[in-house]
Amino acid sequence: MKRLLIVSPHFPPVNAPDLHRVRLSLPYFAEFGWQPHVLSVAAVHQPEAALDPFLRETLPADVAVTEVGAWPLAFTRRLGVGNVAIRAFTHLHRAGARLMRDTRFDLVFFSTTMFFALPLGRLWKRRFGLPYVLDMQDPWASDYRPSDGSSARGKGAFARRLHGLLEPLTLRRANGLIAVSPAYIQTLRRRYPKIPAELCATVPFGASERDFEAARRVPWRNDFFDRADPRVHGVAVGCGGAAMATAARILFAAVARIRATTATPMHLWFIGTDYAPAGRGRRTISPVARAEGIDALVHETPDRVPYLTALRLLDDASFLIVLGSDDPAYSPSKVYSCLLSRKPIVAVLHEASPVVDLLRRAGSIVVTFTGSSDVAGAVDALAPKLGILLDRLPCETTTDDAVLAPFGAAELTRQQCALFDAVVARSRAGERR
């Protein structure tokens, strides 16, 4: 069995979106011939991270994990640094090197949006000769700019320049790529054409029925709404931000249009819309609702909720809301969990979003846009569909299992392992030449 070192600075009990690829895959790696060992940063050294202790219950009992420390946040904050990958870089480097001296690994896999950890792949490859694969869940040196210009100044501008330096240093020596969006692969292969196309794979975010089973075992009280409330509750769990403004305008304008003609009272809940530490998040969805005149129908909670709590909220919802970014390559990570919940879905997405076709095949209500000029037409398309759905609720969807099967955790792990096998085979062939 081949050995895989997985670098994921976030790991349970930390609750962060970028750890779930690894968490969902861990029960299946052995089935496809790989023995994983996770290298992460201990939760105690991430004092501002959201925690979900119950996430540990979703991990295999025998998973091997090495946790490292980090420079204290109280110290690095004085230097303007909070990123855990920067604070833990030397700790990860030393621990990884020690593991490689003690164990014969075949591959290093970076699955994280903490991009400052990725240059470790180049360092370890130069020292130990180990190939490495990068999981690009988000763009690294991105060409995308929010329409409000929020990241063009201060620390954001400095970070962008630094990412622009580190990405080519790291990608030019990478042996393979996984990404959640084909657009990410296309962009990176244009920049780094030496990475062979056959060693790049689009592997979307997945979901697991096991997570819903675990969530239903967790002690639970819905602090947001009462399922017995006669109102219809539409729920979105996940990030907001300026990039979601166009999708939010379309949804809220459609709600404003039908609220006077439908007899069904409703309330819309947007939960966990900011990645900032608890109590410091900004509301970015409710101001759009206010501008559309329906702020009384919308409640936004910026603070993140534990992952399994998020699944219980999906279970309690009357219908689910998926808002897409105005970045066409964006792939909403909660889509697959939403589909597994068997609840009706209302999605407003960029026409080029990777999940548009899947949601349509699953029978969801989907309207699309390509820019702010499309708002009126999208509202015209959404309003009557939303009105019909409200009159039908409560109801469940009957999505064909064949539509969902390609996005289950086992199948997506198989796809990752197929790429790992190909990378290792090519690397060994290169060594023999």
Protein backbone atom coordinates (compact mmCIF):
# COMPACT_ATOMS: atom_id res chain seq x y z
CA MET A 1 0.00 0.00 0.00
CA LYS A 2 1.34 3.42 -0.94
CA ARG A 3 1.79 6.05 1.75
CA LEU A 4 0.28 9.53 1.50
CA LEU A 5 1.26 12.56 3.58
CA ILE A 6 -1.65 15.00 3.64
CA VAL A 7 -0.95 18.60 4.63
CA SER A 8 -4.13 20.20 6.00
CA PRO A 9 -3.43 22.94 8.56
CA HIS A 10 -7.13 22.94 9.44
CA PHE A 11 -8.36 19.62 10.82
CA PRO A 12 -11.05 18.56 13.32
CA PRO A 13 -11.99 19.79 15.82
CA VAL A 14 -11.34 22.97 13.79
CA ASN A 15 -14.33 23.63 11.56
CA ALA A 16 -13.20 25.24 8.31
CA PRO A 17 -14.46 24.66 4.76
CA ASP A 18 -11.09 23.60 3.38
CA LEU A 19 -10.67 20.55 5.63
CA HIS A 20 -13.73 18.66 4.44
CA ARG A 21 -12.14 17.22 1.28
CA VAL A 22 -9.65 15.37 3.48
CA ARG A 23 -12.14 14.51 6.21
CA LEU A 24 -14.60 12.96 3.76
CA SER A 25 -11.87 11.00 1.96
CA LEU A 26 -10.13 9.47 4.99
CA PRO A 27 -12.49 6.48 5.37
CA TYR A 28 -11.90 5.44 1.73
CA PHE A 29 -8.19 5.93 1.01
CA ALA A 30 -7.26 2.38 2.04
CA GLU A 31 -9.90 0.97 -0.30
CA PHE A 32 -7.98 2.51 -3.19
CA GLY A 33 -4.52 1.50 -2.07
CA TRP A 34 -3.35 4.49 -0.03
CA GLN A 35 -2.44 4.81 3.65
CA PRO A 36 -2.87 8.45 4.76
CA HIS A 37 -1.07 10.42 7.45
CA VAL A 38 -2.37 13.92 8.17
CA LEU A 39 -0.11 16.83 9.12
CA SER A 40 -2.10 19.65 10.72
CA VAL A 41 -1.90 22.54 13.18
CA ALA A 42 -3.27 21.78 16.64
CA ALA A 43 -6.54 23.53 17.40
CA VAL A 44 -5.10 25.04 20.59
CA HIS A 45 -2.80 27.11 18.37
CA GLN A 46 -5.75 28.44 16.35
CA PRO A 47 -7.59 30.39 19.05
CA GLU A 48 -9.82 32.27 16.62
CA ALA A 49 -10.87 29.22 14.64
CA ALA A 50 -14.42 27.91 14.83
CA LEU A 51 -14.47 24.52 16.57
CA ASP A 52 -16.79 21.55 16.16
CA PRO A 53 -15.71 18.75 18.55
CA PHE A 54 -18.30 16.39 17.07
CA LEU A 55 -16.43 16.40 13.75
CA ARG A 56 -13.97 13.98 15.33
CA GLU A 57 -16.75 11.39 15.35
CA THR A 58 -16.76 11.39 11.54
CA LEU A 59 -13.08 10.35 11.35
CA PRO A 60 -11.79 6.77 11.14
CA ALA A 61 -10.64 5.56 14.55
CA ASP A 62 -7.20 4.61 13.24
CA VAL A 63 -6.37 7.77 11.28
CA ALA A 64 -2.76 8.89 11.82
CA VAL A 65 -2.46 12.59 12.62
CA THR A 66 0.58 14.69 13.53
CA GLU A 67 -0.32 18.04 15.06
CA VAL A 68 2.15 20.91 15.25
CA GLY A 69 2.32 24.20 17.05
CA ALA A 70 2.51 27.75 15.71
CA TRP A 71 3.92 31.10 16.66
CA PRO A 72 1.52 32.68 19.19
CA LEU A 73 -1.18 34.79 17.61
CA ALA A 74 -0.75 37.44 20.29
CA PHE A 75 2.82 37.93 19.08
CA THR A 76 2.29 37.72 15.31
CA ARG A 77 -0.70 40.08 15.42
CA ARG A 78 1.76 42.86 16.34
CA LEU A 79 3.43 42.19 12.99
CA GLY A 80 0.09 42.19 11.17
CA VAL A 81 0.09 38.40 10.68
CA GLY A 82 -2.80 36.13 11.63
CA ASN A 83 -2.70 33.47 8.90
CA VAL A 84 -2.17 30.06 10.48
CA ALA A 85 -0.02 28.77 7.60
CA ILE A 86 2.45 31.62 8.11
CA ARG A 87 2.47 31.22 11.90
CA ALA A 88 2.98 27.45 11.62
CA PHE A 89 5.23 27.35 8.54
CA THR A 90 8.45 26.43 10.35
CA HIS A 91 6.61 23.96 12.58
CA LEU A 92 5.03 22.22 9.59
CA HIS A 93 8.36 22.20 7.76
CA ARG A 94 10.23 20.55 10.63
CA ALA A 95 7.49 18.02 11.39
CA GLY A 96 7.09 17.09 7.74
CA ALA A 97 10.82 16.58 7.34
CA ARG A 98 10.91 14.41 10.45
CA LEU A 99 8.04 12.26 9.15
CA MET A 100 9.77 11.85 5.80
CA ARG A 101 12.99 10.73 7.46
CA ASP A 102 11.11 8.14 9.53
CA THR A 103 8.59 6.91 6.94
CA ARG A 104 8.86 6.18 3.24
CA PHE A 105 6.05 8.27 1.77
CA ASP A 106 5.15 8.05 -1.91
CA LEU A 107 3.41 11.41 -2.30
CA VAL A 108 2.58 14.66 -0.50
CA PHE A 109 -0.94 16.04 -0.95
CA PHE A 110 -1.75 19.65 0.02
CA SER A 111 -5.48 20.13 0.55
CA THR A 112 -6.02 23.59 2.01
CA THR A 113 -6.80 27.19 1.15
CA MET A 114 -4.00 28.25 3.48
CA PHE A 115 -1.81 28.95 0.45
CA PHE A 116 1.24 29.99 2.42
CA ALA A 117 1.71 26.30 3.35
CA LEU A 118 1.99 25.16 -0.28
CA PRO A 119 5.64 26.21 -0.87
CA LEU A 120 6.57 23.43 1.56
CA GLY A 121 6.00 21.04 -1.33
CA ARG A 122 8.88 22.53 -3.28
CA LEU A 123 11.17 22.53 -0.24
CA TRP A 124 10.46 18.89 0.61
CA LYS A 125 10.73 17.80 -3.01
CA ARG A 126 14.18 19.35 -3.30
CA ARG A 127 15.31 17.65 -0.07
CA PHE A 128 13.57 14.27 -0.23
CA GLY A 129 12.59 13.92 -3.89
CA LEU A 130 8.91 13.43 -3.05
CA PRO A 131 6.35 14.42 -5.69
CA TYR A 132 3.50 16.64 -4.55
CA VAL A 133 -0.07 17.34 -5.65
CA LEU A 134 -1.97 20.54 -4.90
CA ASP A 135 -5.71 20.72 -4.26
CA MET A 136 -6.83 24.14 -5.52
CA GLN A 137 -10.13 24.68 -3.73
CA ASP A 138 -9.88 28.41 -4.43
CA PRO A 139 -7.72 30.42 -6.85
CA TRP A 140 -4.30 31.26 -5.43
CA ALA A 141 -2.91 34.19 -7.42
CA SER A 142 -6.36 35.18 -8.60
CA ASP A 143 -7.27 37.57 -11.39
CA TYR A 144 -10.69 38.07 -9.81
CA ARG A 145 -11.44 41.47 -8.26
CA PRO A 146 -14.58 42.14 -6.18
CA SER A 147 -16.77 44.80 -7.73
CA ASP A 148 -16.48 46.97 -4.62
CA GLY A 149 -12.69 47.08 -4.87
CA SER A 150 -12.38 45.90 -1.27
CA SER A 151 -9.21 43.86 -1.78
CA ALA A 152 -7.30 46.44 -3.81
CA ARG A 153 -5.90 48.25 -0.79
CA GLY A 154 -3.72 47.72 2.30
CA LYS A 155 -2.95 44.20 3.47
CA GLY A 156 -5.10 42.72 0.70
CA ALA A 157 -2.94 44.32 -1.98
CA PHE A 158 0.27 43.19 -0.26
CA ALA A 159 -1.04 39.63 0.11
CA ARG A 160 -1.98 39.55 -3.58
CA ARG A 161 1.55 40.55 -4.58
CA LEU A 162 3.02 37.91 -2.29
CA HIS A 163 0.70 35.23 -3.68
CA GLY A 164 1.76 36.32 -7.15
CA LEU A 165 5.37 35.55 -6.24
CA LEU A 166 4.78 32.28 -4.39
CA GLU A 167 2.39 30.65 -6.83
CA PRO A 168 4.85 30.30 -9.72
CA LEU A 169 7.63 29.15 -7.38
CA THR A 170 5.36 26.36 -6.15
CA LEU A 171 3.36 25.42 -9.25
CA ARG A 172 6.36 25.10 -11.55
CA ARG A 173 7.57 22.12 -9.52
CA ALA A 174 4.16 20.59 -8.77
CA ASN A 175 3.57 17.08 -10.07
CA GLY A 176 -0.20 17.21 -10.26
CA LEU A 177 -3.26 19.34 -9.65
CA ILE A 178 -6.74 18.76 -8.31
CA ALA A 179 -9.31 21.57 -8.45
CA VAL A 180 -12.99 22.01 -7.71
CA SER A 181 -13.58 23.88 -10.96
CA PRO A 182 -12.37 23.14 -14.50
CA ALA A 183 -11.77 26.88 -14.88
CA TYR A 184 -9.09 26.73 -12.18
CA ILE A 185 -7.32 23.91 -14.02
CA GLN A 186 -7.49 25.79 -17.34
CA THR A 187 -6.07 28.96 -15.79
CA LEU A 188 -3.21 27.15 -14.07
CA ARG A 189 -2.29 25.08 -17.10
CA ARG A 190 -2.07 28.26 -19.18
CA ARG A 191 0.35 29.64 -16.61
CA TYR A 192 2.25 26.39 -16.05
CA PRO A 193 1.95 24.28 -19.22
CA LYS A 194 4.64 21.84 -18.04
CA ILE A 195 2.08 20.22 -15.74
CA PRO A 196 0.66 17.45 -17.99
CA ALA A 197 -3.08 17.60 -18.65
CA GLU A 198 -3.43 13.94 -17.63
CA LEU A 199 -2.06 14.82 -14.18
CA CYS A 200 -4.77 17.41 -13.59
CA ALA A 201 -8.25 16.48 -12.39
CA THR A 202 -11.43 18.37 -11.62
CA VAL A 203 -12.78 16.79 -8.45
CA PRO A 204 -15.69 18.76 -6.98
CA PHE A 205 -16.60 19.02 -3.32
CA GLY A 206 -18.59 16.02 -2.22
CA ALA A 207 -20.85 14.97 0.60
CA SER A 208 -21.53 11.89 2.66
CA GLU A 209 -24.66 10.30 4.07
CA ARG A 210 -22.47 9.40 7.06
CA ASP A 211 -22.29 13.08 7.98
CA PHE A 212 -26.07 13.37 8.13
CA GLU A 213 -26.21 10.23 10.27
CA ALA A 214 -23.59 11.71 12.61
CA ALA A 215 -25.42 15.04 12.73
CA ARG A 216 -28.65 13.35 13.79
CA ARG A 217 -26.82 11.78 16.74
CA VAL A 218 -25.59 15.16 18.00
CA PRO A 219 -27.61 16.90 20.77
CA TRP A 220 -29.54 19.57 18.92
CA ARG A 221 -31.59 22.67 19.54
CA ASN A 222 -32.48 24.99 16.69
CA ASP A 223 -31.72 28.47 18.04
CA PHE A 224 -32.75 30.16 14.81
CA PHE A 225 -36.32 29.09 14.06
CA ASP A 226 -39.04 26.70 15.17
CA ARG A 227 -40.02 24.01 12.67
CA ALA A 228 -43.59 24.26 14.01
CA ASP A 229 -43.70 27.94 13.04
CA PRO A 230 -46.34 28.32 10.28
CA ARG A 231 -43.91 30.33 8.19
CA VAL A 232 -41.88 28.75 5.40
CA HIS A 233 -38.18 28.85 6.23
CA GLY A 234 -35.63 29.22 3.45
CA VAL A 235 -32.10 28.51 4.70
CA ALA A 236 -28.64 29.23 3.32
CA VAL A 237 -25.59 28.13 5.29
CA GLY A 238 -22.26 29.41 4.03
CA CYS A 239 -20.26 32.43 3.02
CA GLY A 240 -21.71 35.70 1.78
CA GLY A 241 -19.74 38.77 0.80
CA ALA A 242 -19.73 41.35 -1.96
CA ALA A 243 -19.29 38.67 -4.62
CA MET A 244 -22.76 37.32 -3.79
CA ALA A 245 -24.51 40.67 -4.14
CA THR A 246 -25.88 40.10 -7.66
CA ALA A 247 -27.35 36.71 -6.75
CA ALA A 248 -28.83 38.13 -3.54
CA ARG A 249 -30.44 41.04 -5.43
CA ILE A 250 -32.10 38.62 -7.83
CA LEU A 251 -33.46 36.45 -5.03
CA PHE A 252 -34.70 39.35 -2.91
CA ALA A 253 -36.26 41.18 -5.84
CA ALA A 254 -38.17 38.00 -6.72
CA VAL A 255 -39.34 37.66 -3.11
CA ALA A 256 -40.42 41.30 -3.07
CA ARG A 257 -42.43 40.74 -6.24
CA ILE A 258 -44.38 37.73 -4.98
CA ARG A 259 -44.81 38.59 -1.31
CA ALA A 260 -48.06 40.44 -2.02
CA THR A 261 -49.52 37.65 -4.16
CA THR A 262 -48.68 34.57 -2.10
CA ALA A 263 -50.61 33.48 0.94
CA THR A 264 -47.59 31.63 2.31
CA PRO A 265 -45.63 33.60 4.93
CA MET A 266 -41.88 33.09 4.71
CA HIS A 267 -38.61 33.96 6.36
CA LEU A 268 -35.12 33.62 4.88
CA TRP A 269 -32.10 32.70 7.01
CA PHE A 270 -28.49 33.30 5.99
CA ILE A 271 -26.18 31.69 8.53
CA GLY A 272 -22.39 31.69 8.75
CA THR A 273 -21.85 34.35 6.09
CA ASP A 274 -18.44 35.60 7.28
CA TYR A 275 -15.20 33.77 8.05
CA ALA A 276 -14.19 36.32 10.70
CA PRO A 277 -13.96 35.18 14.34
CA ALA A 278 -17.22 35.06 16.29
CA GLY A 279 -18.65 38.48 16.98
CA ARG A 280 -16.48 40.25 14.40
CA GLY A 281 -18.24 39.24 11.17
CA ARG A 282 -19.85 41.73 8.80
CA ARG A 283 -23.39 41.44 7.48
CA THR A 284 -23.23 41.49 3.69
CA ILE A 285 -26.56 39.86 2.77
CA SER A 286 -29.06 41.75 4.92
CA PRO A 287 -28.09 45.16 3.44
CA VAL A 288 -29.09 43.83 0.02
CA ALA A 289 -32.43 42.70 1.46
CA ARG A 290 -32.92 46.16 2.94
CA ALA A 291 -32.26 47.76 -0.43
CA GLU A 292 -34.95 45.53 -1.96
CA GLY A 293 -37.42 46.40 0.80
CA ILE A 294 -37.71 42.96 2.38
CA ASP A 295 -35.34 43.25 5.35
CA ALA A 296 -38.17 42.17 7.69
CA LEU A 297 -38.16 38.78 5.96
CA VAL A 298 -34.41 38.21 6.12
CA HIS A 299 -32.17 37.32 9.05
CA GLU A 300 -28.40 37.15 8.65
CA THR A 301 -26.01 35.67 11.20
CA PRO A 302 -22.39 36.24 10.11
CA ASP A 303 -20.92 33.89 12.74
CA ARG A 304 -20.09 30.41 11.48
CA VAL A 305 -21.89 27.43 12.97
CA PRO A 306 -20.44 23.95 13.53
CA TYR A 307 -20.54 21.76 10.44
CA LEU A 308 -22.91 19.18 11.88
CA THR A 309 -25.15 21.98 13.15
CA ALA A 310 -25.26 23.28 9.59
CA LEU A 311 -26.52 19.89 8.42
CA ARG A 312 -29.25 19.91 11.07
CA LEU A 313 -30.31 23.35 9.85
CA LEU A 314 -30.62 21.92 6.33
CA ASP A 315 -32.81 19.16 7.78
CA ASP A 316 -35.06 21.69 9.53
CA ALA A 317 -35.44 24.02 6.54
CA SER A 318 -38.53 24.18 4.32
CA PHE A 319 -36.30 24.83 1.33
CA LEU A 320 -32.64 25.63 0.76
CA ILE A 321 -31.00 28.64 -0.86
CA VAL A 322 -27.78 28.52 -2.86
CA LEU A 323 -26.31 31.86 -3.93
CA GLY A 324 -23.45 31.95 -6.41
CA SER A 325 -20.58 34.36 -6.78
CA ASP A 326 -20.11 36.77 -9.65
CA ASP A 327 -16.82 34.90 -10.15
CA PRO A 328 -17.84 32.36 -12.83
CA ALA A 329 -15.42 29.69 -11.57
CA TYR A 330 -16.87 29.66 -8.04
CA SER A 331 -18.25 26.30 -6.88
CA PRO A 332 -20.46 26.49 -3.75
CA SER A 333 -19.17 23.81 -1.38
CA LYS A 334 -22.51 23.16 0.35
CA VAL A 335 -24.32 22.16 -2.87
CA TYR A 336 -23.74 18.44 -2.41
CA SER A 337 -24.88 18.47 1.21
CA CYS A 338 -27.95 20.40 0.12
CA LEU A 339 -28.75 17.72 -2.46
CA LEU A 340 -28.32 14.91 0.06
CA SER A 341 -30.77 16.65 2.41
CA ARG A 342 -33.54 15.93 -0.15
CA LYS A 343 -34.96 19.42 0.38
CA PRO A 344 -36.10 21.70 -2.48
CA ILE A 345 -33.33 24.03 -3.61
CA VAL A 346 -33.57 27.54 -5.01
CA ALA A 347 -30.27 28.49 -6.65
CA VAL A 348 -29.14 31.78 -8.19
CA LEU A 349 -25.80 31.25 -9.92
CA HIS A 350 -23.46 32.60 -12.52
CA GLU A 351 -24.24 30.89 -15.83
CA ALA A 352 -20.71 29.43 -15.95
CA SER A 353 -20.79 28.00 -12.41
CA PRO A 354 -19.66 24.36 -12.36
CA VAL A 355 -22.78 23.26 -10.44
CA VAL A 356 -25.48 24.73 -12.71
CA ASP A 357 -25.95 21.58 -14.77
CA LEU A 358 -25.93 19.29 -11.72
CA LEU A 359 -28.62 21.30 -9.93
CA ARG A 360 -30.78 21.38 -13.03
CA ARG A 361 -30.49 17.61 -13.46
CA ALA A 362 -31.41 17.24 -9.78
CA GLY A 363 -34.66 19.13 -10.38
CA SER A 364 -33.73 22.26 -8.44
CA ILE A 365 -35.00 25.74 -9.27
CA VAL A 366 -32.03 27.39 -10.98
CA VAL A 367 -31.79 30.86 -12.48
CA THR A 368 -28.54 32.27 -13.83
CA PHE A 369 -26.86 35.55 -14.60
CA THR A 370 -23.67 36.67 -16.28
CA GLY A 371 -23.54 40.17 -14.83
CA SER A 372 -25.52 42.85 -13.03
CA SER A 373 -27.30 43.70 -16.28
CA ASP A 374 -29.07 40.33 -16.10
CA VAL A 375 -30.88 41.05 -12.85
CA ALA A 376 -34.27 41.99 -14.31
CA GLY A 377 -34.47 38.96 -16.59
CA ALA A 378 -33.39 36.60 -13.81
CA VAL A 379 -36.02 38.07 -11.47
CA ASP A 380 -38.67 37.52 -14.17
CA ALA A 381 -37.58 33.89 -14.41
CA LEU A 382 -37.35 33.24 -10.66
CA ALA A 383 -40.45 34.94 -9.27
CA PRO A 384 -43.12 32.59 -10.74
CA LYS A 385 -41.07 29.46 -9.95
CA LEU A 386 -40.59 30.60 -6.37
CA GLY A 387 -44.30 31.31 -6.01
CA ILE A 388 -45.21 27.80 -7.20
CA LEU A 389 -42.70 26.25 -4.79
CA LEU A 390 -44.07 28.16 -1.81
CA ASP A 391 -47.58 26.91 -2.58
CA ARG A 392 -46.30 23.28 -2.70
CA LEU A 393 -44.38 23.29 0.57
CA PRO A 394 -43.75 21.26 2.65
CA CYS A 395 -42.31 18.73 0.23
CA GLU A 396 -39.16 16.74 -0.46
CA THR A 397 -37.32 16.26 -3.72
CA THR A 398 -37.01 12.95 -5.53
CA THR A 399 -33.54 13.36 -7.01
CA ASP A 400 -32.40 10.24 -8.86
CA ASP A 401 -29.60 8.54 -6.92
CA ALA A 402 -27.72 8.18 -10.21
CA VAL A 403 -27.41 11.99 -10.29
CA LEU A 404 -25.88 12.07 -6.81
CA ALA A 405 -23.65 8.97 -6.96
CA PRO A 406 -20.74 10.66 -8.83
CA PHE A 407 -20.48 13.19 -5.98
CA GLY A 408 -20.36 10.77 -3.07
CA ALA A 409 -17.27 10.68 -0.87
CA ALA A 410 -16.16 7.22 -2.01
CA GLU A 411 -16.26 8.05 -5.72
CA LEU A 412 -14.48 11.36 -5.28
CA THR A 413 -11.78 9.65 -3.21
CA ARG A 414 -11.35 7.10 -6.02
CA GLN A 415 -10.78 9.96 -8.47
CA GLN A 416 -8.15 11.52 -6.21
CA CYS A 417 -6.35 8.21 -5.78
CA ALA A 418 -6.37 7.58 -9.53
CA LEU A 419 -4.51 10.86 -9.97
CA PHE A 420 -2.10 10.01 -7.14
CA ASP A 421 -1.33 6.67 -8.80
CA ALA A 422 -0.62 8.39 -12.11
CA VAL A 423 1.65 11.00 -10.49
CA VAL A 424 3.66 8.38 -8.62
CA ALA A 425 4.00 6.20 -11.72
CA ARG A 426 5.29 9.10 -13.79
CA SER A 427 7.64 10.23 -11.03
CA ARG A 428 9.14 6.76 -10.71
CA ALA A 429 9.49 6.43 -14.47
CA GLY A 430 11.38 9.73 -14.48
CA GLU A 431 13.72 8.47 -11.76
CA ARG A 432 14.56 5.38 -13.81
CA ARG A 433 15.48 7.40 -16.91
